[in-house]
Amino acid sequence: MSDKASLMQKPAPLTDVGLQRELAALFVQALNLEVQPQDIDPDAPLYGEGLGLDSIDILEVALIVSKQYGIQLRADSQENQQIFRSLGHLAGYIAARRTK
């Protein structure tokens, strides 16, 4: 492949790991968490004993996700418990549905 052809290709979408890192940084910044983004375990629960978020924090995260990735999350959705189960689950959900 020529150099010119490789320069004209669209950038690759974020991998789940890249998206997880991006989300972790957004969480830390938006929620003023006292943890480094790289220290957030993608498999740890977001609620309670994991990252320790509460329902207000989750609402803030939903707003960030909506603005950043073009995904509308509904407060009354039955999927929310699964979507917000962990950073990894949220990243997978966003990767499959993002419009931005």
Protein backbone atom coordinates (compact mmCIF):
# COMPACT_ATOMS: atom_id res chain seq x y z
CA MET A 1 0.00 0.00 0.00
CA SER A 2 1.35 3.44 -0.86
CA ASP A 3 1.99 6.09 1.78
CA LYS A 4 -0.66 8.32 0.22
CA ALA A 5 -3.31 5.60 0.40
CA SER A 6 -2.56 4.88 4.06
CA LEU A 7 -2.84 8.59 4.92
CA MET A 8 -6.28 8.82 3.34
CA GLN A 9 -7.82 5.99 5.37
CA LYS A 10 -10.25 6.91 8.11
CA PRO A 11 -8.92 6.53 11.65
CA ALA A 12 -9.83 3.27 13.31
CA PRO A 13 -12.66 3.42 15.86
CA LEU A 14 -11.64 3.18 19.50
CA THR A 15 -11.21 -0.36 20.70
CA ASP A 16 -13.09 -1.40 23.81
CA VAL A 17 -9.88 -0.90 25.80
CA GLY A 18 -9.36 2.57 24.30
CA LEU A 19 -12.98 3.43 25.00
CA GLN A 20 -12.66 2.14 28.56
CA ARG A 21 -9.65 4.41 29.11
CA GLU A 22 -11.50 7.37 27.63
CA LEU A 23 -14.54 6.71 29.81
CA ALA A 24 -12.39 6.31 32.92
CA ALA A 25 -10.81 9.71 32.26
CA LEU A 26 -14.25 11.26 31.73
CA PHE A 27 -15.51 9.74 35.00
CA VAL A 28 -12.55 11.05 36.98
CA GLN A 29 -12.85 14.54 35.53
CA ALA A 30 -16.64 14.92 35.61
CA LEU A 31 -17.19 13.31 39.01
CA ASN A 32 -14.03 14.65 40.68
CA LEU A 33 -13.00 11.16 41.69
CA GLU A 34 -9.89 10.73 43.82
CA VAL A 35 -8.51 7.93 41.68
CA GLN A 36 -6.39 7.86 38.56
CA PRO A 37 -8.21 6.75 35.38
CA GLN A 38 -5.73 3.91 34.81
CA ASP A 39 -6.49 2.59 38.29
CA ILE A 40 -10.17 1.99 37.53
CA ASP A 41 -10.76 -1.73 37.06
CA PRO A 42 -12.97 -2.18 33.96
CA ASP A 43 -14.61 -5.24 35.58
CA ALA A 44 -15.31 -3.68 38.99
CA PRO A 45 -18.89 -2.63 39.76
CA LEU A 46 -19.63 1.06 39.24
CA TYR A 47 -22.08 1.07 42.15
CA GLY A 48 -21.21 0.47 45.78
CA GLU A 49 -18.07 -1.47 46.62
CA GLY A 50 -16.44 -1.07 43.19
CA LEU A 51 -15.99 2.51 42.03
CA GLY A 52 -18.47 3.66 44.66
CA LEU A 53 -20.82 5.67 42.45
CA ASP A 54 -24.33 6.47 43.60
CA SER A 55 -27.49 7.14 41.58
CA ILE A 56 -26.69 10.85 41.17
CA ASP A 57 -23.24 9.96 39.81
CA ILE A 58 -24.81 7.51 37.36
CA LEU A 59 -27.17 10.25 36.14
CA GLU A 60 -24.14 12.47 35.53
CA VAL A 61 -22.42 9.64 33.66
CA ALA A 62 -25.54 9.14 31.51
CA LEU A 63 -25.48 12.84 30.60
CA ILE A 64 -21.79 12.66 29.68
CA VAL A 65 -22.36 9.56 27.55
CA SER A 66 -25.28 11.23 25.79
CA LYS A 67 -23.28 14.34 24.94
CA GLN A 68 -20.00 12.62 24.10
CA TYR A 69 -21.25 9.60 22.14
CA GLY A 70 -24.76 10.47 20.97
CA ILE A 71 -26.43 7.72 22.98
CA GLN A 72 -29.69 8.38 24.77
CA LEU A 73 -30.00 6.50 28.03
CA ARG A 74 -33.38 6.42 29.74
CA ALA A 75 -33.71 6.49 33.52
CA ASP A 76 -36.57 3.98 33.37
CA SER A 77 -34.78 1.46 31.12
CA GLN A 78 -34.70 -2.11 32.37
CA GLU A 79 -31.22 -2.43 30.80
CA ASN A 80 -29.59 0.17 33.06
CA GLN A 81 -28.48 -2.28 35.72
CA GLN A 82 -26.63 -4.28 33.08
CA ILE A 83 -25.33 -1.23 31.16
CA PHE A 84 -23.87 0.36 34.29
CA ARG A 85 -22.68 -2.92 35.82
CA SER A 86 -19.03 -1.99 35.16
CA LEU A 87 -16.86 0.28 33.05
CA GLY A 88 -16.33 -2.61 30.65
CA HIS A 89 -20.07 -3.20 30.22
CA LEU A 90 -20.69 0.50 29.64
CA ALA A 91 -17.88 0.66 27.07
CA GLY A 92 -19.31 -2.33 25.21
CA TYR A 93 -22.77 -0.78 25.18
CA ILE A 94 -21.41 2.51 23.86
CA ALA A 95 -19.22 0.83 21.22
CA ALA A 96 -22.25 -0.99 19.82
CA ARG A 97 -24.54 2.05 19.74
CA ARG A 98 -22.50 5.23 19.45
CA THR A 99 -23.37 7.80 16.80
CA LYS A 100 -20.44 10.15 17.44
